[in-house]
Every structure is written in structure tokens, then in C-alpha cells.
Protein backbone atom coordinates (compact mmCIF):
# COMPACT_ATOMS: atom_id res chain seq x y z
CA MET A 1 9.44 -2.19 -12.33
CA SER A 2 11.75 -2.35 -9.12
CA ALA A 3 11.56 -4.11 -6.17
CA THR A 4 10.86 -1.24 -4.54
CA PRO A 5 8.67 1.25 -5.87
CA THR A 6 10.45 4.26 -6.75
CA THR A 7 8.66 7.80 -6.15
CA ALA A 8 8.11 8.50 -9.39
CA GLU A 9 6.07 5.21 -10.29
CA VAL A 10 4.27 6.21 -7.20
CA GLU A 11 2.78 9.61 -8.23
CA SER A 12 2.63 8.15 -11.74
CA GLY A 13 -0.76 6.28 -10.31
CA GLN A 14 -2.35 9.42 -8.66
CA ALA A 15 -0.84 12.43 -10.52
CA VAL A 16 -3.61 12.09 -12.99
CA TYR A 17 -6.59 12.89 -10.74
CA THR A 18 -6.71 16.53 -11.13
CA PRO A 19 -9.86 18.63 -10.36
CA LEU A 20 -11.38 18.15 -13.81
CA VAL A 21 -10.71 14.35 -13.76
CA LEU A 22 -12.25 13.76 -10.45
CA ALA A 23 -15.16 15.78 -11.73
CA LEU A 24 -16.04 13.87 -14.49
CA TYR A 25 -14.71 10.43 -12.07
CA ASP A 26 -18.46 9.40 -10.72
CA VAL A 27 -19.64 8.92 -14.12
CA PHE A 28 -16.90 7.92 -16.54
CA VAL A 29 -15.42 5.54 -13.76
CA LEU A 30 -17.72 4.33 -11.89
CA ARG A 31 -20.77 4.50 -13.50
CA LEU A 32 -19.79 3.38 -17.17
CA SER A 33 -16.12 1.55 -16.66
CA CYS A 34 -16.99 -0.20 -13.89
CA ARG A 35 -20.11 -1.75 -15.38
CA ILE A 36 -18.96 -1.88 -19.13
CA ALA A 37 -15.05 -2.02 -19.17
CA TRP A 38 -14.60 -4.11 -15.54
CA GLN A 39 -18.06 -5.69 -15.37
CA CYS A 40 -18.55 -5.02 -11.83
CA PRO A 41 -20.94 -2.32 -11.51
CA ARG A 42 -20.76 0.32 -8.53
CA ALA A 43 -23.35 -1.03 -6.67
CA GLN A 44 -21.17 -4.37 -5.75
CA MET A 45 -18.39 -1.97 -4.61
CA LEU A 46 -21.23 0.03 -2.20
CA ASP A 47 -22.90 -3.34 -1.33
CA LEU A 48 -19.39 -4.04 -0.35
CA TYR A 49 -19.12 -0.90 2.03
CA ASN A 50 -22.81 -1.06 3.41
CA ARG A 51 -21.94 -4.66 4.80
CA HIS A 52 -18.45 -3.76 6.27
CA VAL A 53 -18.14 0.12 6.81
CA GLY A 54 -17.92 0.63 10.96
CA PRO A 55 -18.33 3.40 13.22
CA ARG A 56 -14.50 4.73 13.13
CA HIS A 57 -13.56 4.35 9.70
CA LEU A 58 -10.12 5.13 7.81
CA ASP A 59 -10.59 5.40 4.06
CA VAL A 60 -7.66 5.03 1.78
CA GLY A 61 -7.28 6.00 -1.70
CA VAL A 62 -10.48 7.88 -1.20
CA GLY A 63 -11.28 9.08 -5.23
CA THR A 64 -14.30 11.37 -5.03
CA GLY A 65 -15.53 9.83 -1.56
CA TYR A 66 -18.44 8.55 -3.83
CA PHE A 67 -19.31 5.39 -1.60
CA LEU A 68 -18.84 7.14 1.74
CA ASP A 69 -21.25 9.83 0.53
CA SER A 70 -23.82 6.72 -0.62
CA CYS A 71 -23.10 4.21 1.61
CA GLU A 72 -25.30 3.51 4.63
CA TRP A 73 -23.31 3.98 8.25
CA PRO A 74 -23.89 1.96 11.00
CA THR A 75 -23.82 5.54 12.78
CA ALA A 76 -25.32 9.19 12.02
CA GLU A 77 -21.93 10.26 13.39
CA PRO A 78 -19.35 8.56 11.95
CA GLU A 79 -15.65 9.08 12.98
CA LEU A 80 -14.17 9.34 9.49
CA THR A 81 -10.17 9.88 8.50
CA LEU A 82 -9.36 10.15 5.08
CA LEU A 83 -6.02 9.52 3.68
CA ASP A 84 -4.66 9.56 -0.06
CA VAL A 85 -1.62 11.10 -1.73
CA ASN A 86 -3.15 13.17 -3.97
CA ARG A 87 -4.68 16.20 -2.56
CA HIS A 88 -7.21 17.19 -5.23
CA SER A 89 -8.38 13.60 -3.99
CA LEU A 90 -8.46 14.43 -0.48
CA ASP A 91 -10.11 17.98 -0.97
CA ALA A 92 -12.62 16.71 -3.16
CA ALA A 93 -13.97 13.59 -0.96
CA ALA A 94 -13.71 15.70 2.38
CA LYS A 95 -16.00 18.47 0.72
CA ARG A 96 -18.66 15.70 -0.30
CA THR A 97 -18.66 13.93 3.24
CA ARG A 98 -18.19 17.32 5.42
CA ARG A 99 -21.36 16.70 7.38
CA TYR A 100 -18.73 14.00 9.21
CA HIS A 101 -16.04 16.46 9.60
CA PRO A 102 -13.27 14.03 8.57
CA ARG A 103 -10.17 14.01 9.64
CA VAL A 104 -7.76 14.40 6.32
CA VAL A 105 -4.24 13.09 6.58
CA GLN A 106 -2.03 13.59 3.04
CA ALA A 107 0.29 10.21 2.86
CA SER A 108 1.05 7.27 0.64
CA ALA A 109 -0.15 3.68 1.96
CA LEU A 110 2.84 2.35 0.90
CA ASP A 111 4.44 4.44 3.35
CA PRO A 112 4.50 3.97 7.43
CA LEU A 113 1.66 5.59 8.57
CA ASP A 114 1.62 7.88 11.47
CA LEU A 115 -2.10 8.31 12.43
CA GLY A 116 -1.29 8.45 16.66
CA GLY A 117 -3.44 6.09 18.54
CA SER A 118 -6.33 6.15 16.52
CA GLN A 119 -8.15 2.40 16.08
CA PHE A 120 -10.99 1.92 13.19
CA ASP A 121 -13.47 -0.68 12.87
CA SER A 122 -13.34 -0.49 9.01
CA ILE A 123 -10.36 0.31 6.77
CA ALA A 124 -11.49 0.78 2.92
CA MET A 125 -8.96 0.59 -0.07
CA ASN A 126 -11.17 0.58 -2.72
CA PHE A 127 -9.69 0.97 -6.04
CA LEU A 128 -6.63 1.16 -4.94
CA PHE A 129 -3.95 -1.37 -5.34
CA HIS A 130 -3.92 -1.42 -9.42
CA CYS A 131 -2.91 2.18 -9.13
CA LEU A 132 0.25 0.93 -7.18
CA PRO A 133 3.05 -0.10 -8.86
CA GLY A 134 4.77 -3.57 -7.94
CA SER A 135 2.81 -7.31 -7.80
CA ALA A 136 -0.34 -7.88 -6.29
CA GLU A 137 1.20 -9.92 -3.46
CA GLN A 138 4.14 -7.13 -2.61
CA LYS A 139 1.81 -4.07 -2.91
CA ALA A 140 -1.29 -5.77 -0.78
CA ALA A 141 1.41 -6.92 1.87
CA THR A 142 2.49 -4.26 1.94
CA VAL A 143 -0.48 -1.93 2.46
CA ALA A 144 -1.78 -4.25 4.89
CA ALA A 145 0.74 -4.38 7.24
CA ASN A 146 1.02 -0.22 6.82
CA VAL A 147 -2.58 -0.18 8.35
CA ARG A 148 -2.67 -3.36 10.45
CA PRO A 149 -1.30 -1.32 13.61
CA TYR A 150 -4.89 0.76 13.57
CA LEU A 151 -7.23 -1.95 12.84
CA ALA A 152 -9.22 -2.39 16.27
CA PRO A 153 -9.85 -5.97 17.82
CA GLY A 154 -13.09 -7.48 15.03
CA GLY A 155 -11.93 -4.63 12.47
CA VAL A 156 -12.18 -5.69 8.87
CA VAL A 157 -10.38 -4.29 5.94
CA PHE A 158 -11.94 -4.43 2.88
CA GLY A 159 -11.68 -3.04 -0.94
CA SER A 160 -11.73 -4.10 -4.75
CA THR A 161 -9.09 -4.19 -7.43
CA ILE A 162 -9.22 -4.37 -11.22
CA LEU A 163 -7.31 -7.95 -12.09
CA GLY A 164 -4.89 -8.26 -14.79
CA LEU A 165 -4.38 -11.88 -14.64
CA GLY A 166 -6.96 -15.23 -13.89
CA VAL A 167 -10.08 -12.93 -15.51
CA ARG A 168 -11.56 -12.61 -19.13
CA HIS A 169 -11.21 -9.01 -20.07
CA ASN A 170 -13.43 -7.60 -22.67
CA LEU A 171 -12.18 -5.78 -25.93
CA LEU A 172 -12.66 -1.89 -23.97
CA GLY A 173 -11.45 -3.56 -20.66
CA ARG A 174 -7.85 -4.85 -23.03
CA THR A 175 -7.66 -1.55 -24.54
CA LEU A 176 -7.98 0.41 -21.64
CA MET A 177 -5.71 -1.68 -19.31
CA ARG A 178 -2.94 -1.49 -22.13
CA ALA A 179 -3.32 2.26 -22.45
CA TYR A 180 -3.52 2.66 -18.28
CA ASN A 181 -0.65 0.43 -18.04
CA LYS A 182 1.32 2.18 -20.53
CA LYS A 183 0.71 5.87 -18.90
CA GLY A 184 1.55 4.82 -15.71
CA ILE A 185 -1.63 5.14 -14.13
CA PHE A 186 -2.50 1.13 -13.48
CA SER A 187 0.00 -1.23 -12.67
CA ASN A 188 -1.58 -4.45 -12.72
CA LEU A 189 -1.06 -6.56 -15.62
CA GLU A 190 0.31 -8.99 -13.65
CA ASP A 191 -2.44 -8.92 -10.55
CA ASP A 192 -4.20 -11.77 -9.79
CA ALA A 193 -6.37 -12.91 -7.42
CA ALA A 194 -4.04 -15.30 -5.60
CA GLY A 195 -1.18 -12.71 -5.14
CA LEU A 196 -3.73 -10.44 -3.40
CA GLU A 197 -4.59 -13.13 -0.99
CA ARG A 198 -1.29 -14.22 -0.09
CA GLY A 199 0.00 -10.29 0.58
CA LEU A 200 -3.62 -9.66 3.03
CA ALA A 201 -2.86 -12.73 4.80
CA THR A 202 0.76 -11.87 5.61
CA ALA A 203 -0.52 -9.18 7.77
CA LEU A 204 -4.29 -10.19 8.35
CA PRO A 205 -4.75 -14.44 7.98
CA SER A 206 -8.58 -14.56 7.35
CA VAL A 207 -8.94 -13.55 3.75
CA ARG A 208 -12.22 -13.69 1.81
CA ILE A 209 -12.30 -12.64 -2.21
CA ASP A 210 -15.31 -12.55 -4.85
CA VAL A 211 -14.64 -11.72 -8.55
CA GLN A 212 -17.28 -10.09 -10.22
CA GLY A 213 -16.04 -9.83 -13.75
CA THR A 214 -12.25 -8.47 -13.40
CA VAL A 215 -12.09 -6.90 -9.99
CA ALA A 216 -11.60 -8.52 -7.28
CA LEU A 217 -14.06 -7.62 -3.96
CA PHE A 218 -11.95 -8.67 -1.03
CA SER A 219 -12.66 -8.45 2.80
CA ALA A 220 -9.82 -9.58 5.24
CA ARG A 221 -9.66 -9.80 9.29
CA GLU A 222 -7.27 -10.89 12.32
CA GLN A 223 -9.00 -14.19 12.24
């Protein structure tokens, strides 16, 4: 892995999300893999959304939009922005949340972002970091720095990521980890909670991390 992720490395982590894969994602990833392989039921991540999602929300790495569709919003008409490098994921999430009339931005979270004067009460990055190249500290620090200018005072950044170190993977989890990392879908064999915390804290010093199974559930604020 290079110190600075290459375009090919970044694309490897998201290219798998074709319309066909996204059509199966909720069942095979969120329902089955989360519970059986990663030992963190999707209800844990939905609870993270329910506790932290704000009326002005930016979702980074949108998946299928499942959590945005299912969570308990604090307002009937949230201001929702979807950001992802993968057009198929953006289309799927935008369709699923069309009742909120989301703004759609195609961009990489590893690059400086141009979101104008937008300010968000909450910024989520669910199951994002383990798909990004680089160390846990490096990619968390980079993404946190890129979104920090758009976080409103008192706002929160939250999300989840699958760890490679410091957790106990079962046989299925180890098998999937090896396969996904070999294909470049994941890049997390050396990711640990300490590195994630150090990275987030470079931009948002008040960090909380709870590990459920092999998944780190995190939230971070300015203070």
C-alpha cells in the first residue's frame, strides 16, 4: 500500500457496488454478514443513526440508503445530502430517500470537498473506512479533515467500520476478510480501534468508540 492511495486503490474499494450487488446488499451484508460474520447486528448501526442523525445531514458512503430510510429523523423534512464516489450507490440511495429530496454529490471522501456554504448537524460514514486504502489513522484523519469544515457548531460525525486487529474474528469473518482484502474491496487487515481514534481526533478531539463484535461504532465532536 502506498503512503498516498492511488486512484486504482480507491476505485477497488467501491467498484464492486454494481446495481446487482446493491440489490442484494441489504440481505447479504446488512442482515446476514453483519450478524453472522462481523458479529454486529444492523440494529446496532441503526441505533447509532437514531441517536445522532440531525435535521441537516450529510451521508458519506451511502450504500443503499437503508439506514437513511429506516432511521428516526428529528424532523419530518430533513435536509439530506448524499456523497459517494460510486454513481450506482448514489442512485440507489437517492431513489430510496426521494421523499426527502436529497442533494446528490459524486466525490471521494479522501479528496478535499466542495460543498459550498453547507453546514450539517450530523455527518455519517457507515461501513466506509474499511473500504478505503491506507492505515486506519491515515484514512480517518483525511476524511475527518475533509468533512470538518462542513460540521455545524455542536454537530457530530458518526459511523462504523470493520476492524482487522484487536478483535476476534470467527471463521466466516476471517474467510471474508482475506477474500475481500485480496480483491481490494476491503483494506483493513491492520485497522484497529486505536488507529481509528487517533485519526478522528486530529480533527475532532472528542471521540467515542464502542466495539461490537468486530465492528467499531464511533462518534466524534469538536469538543
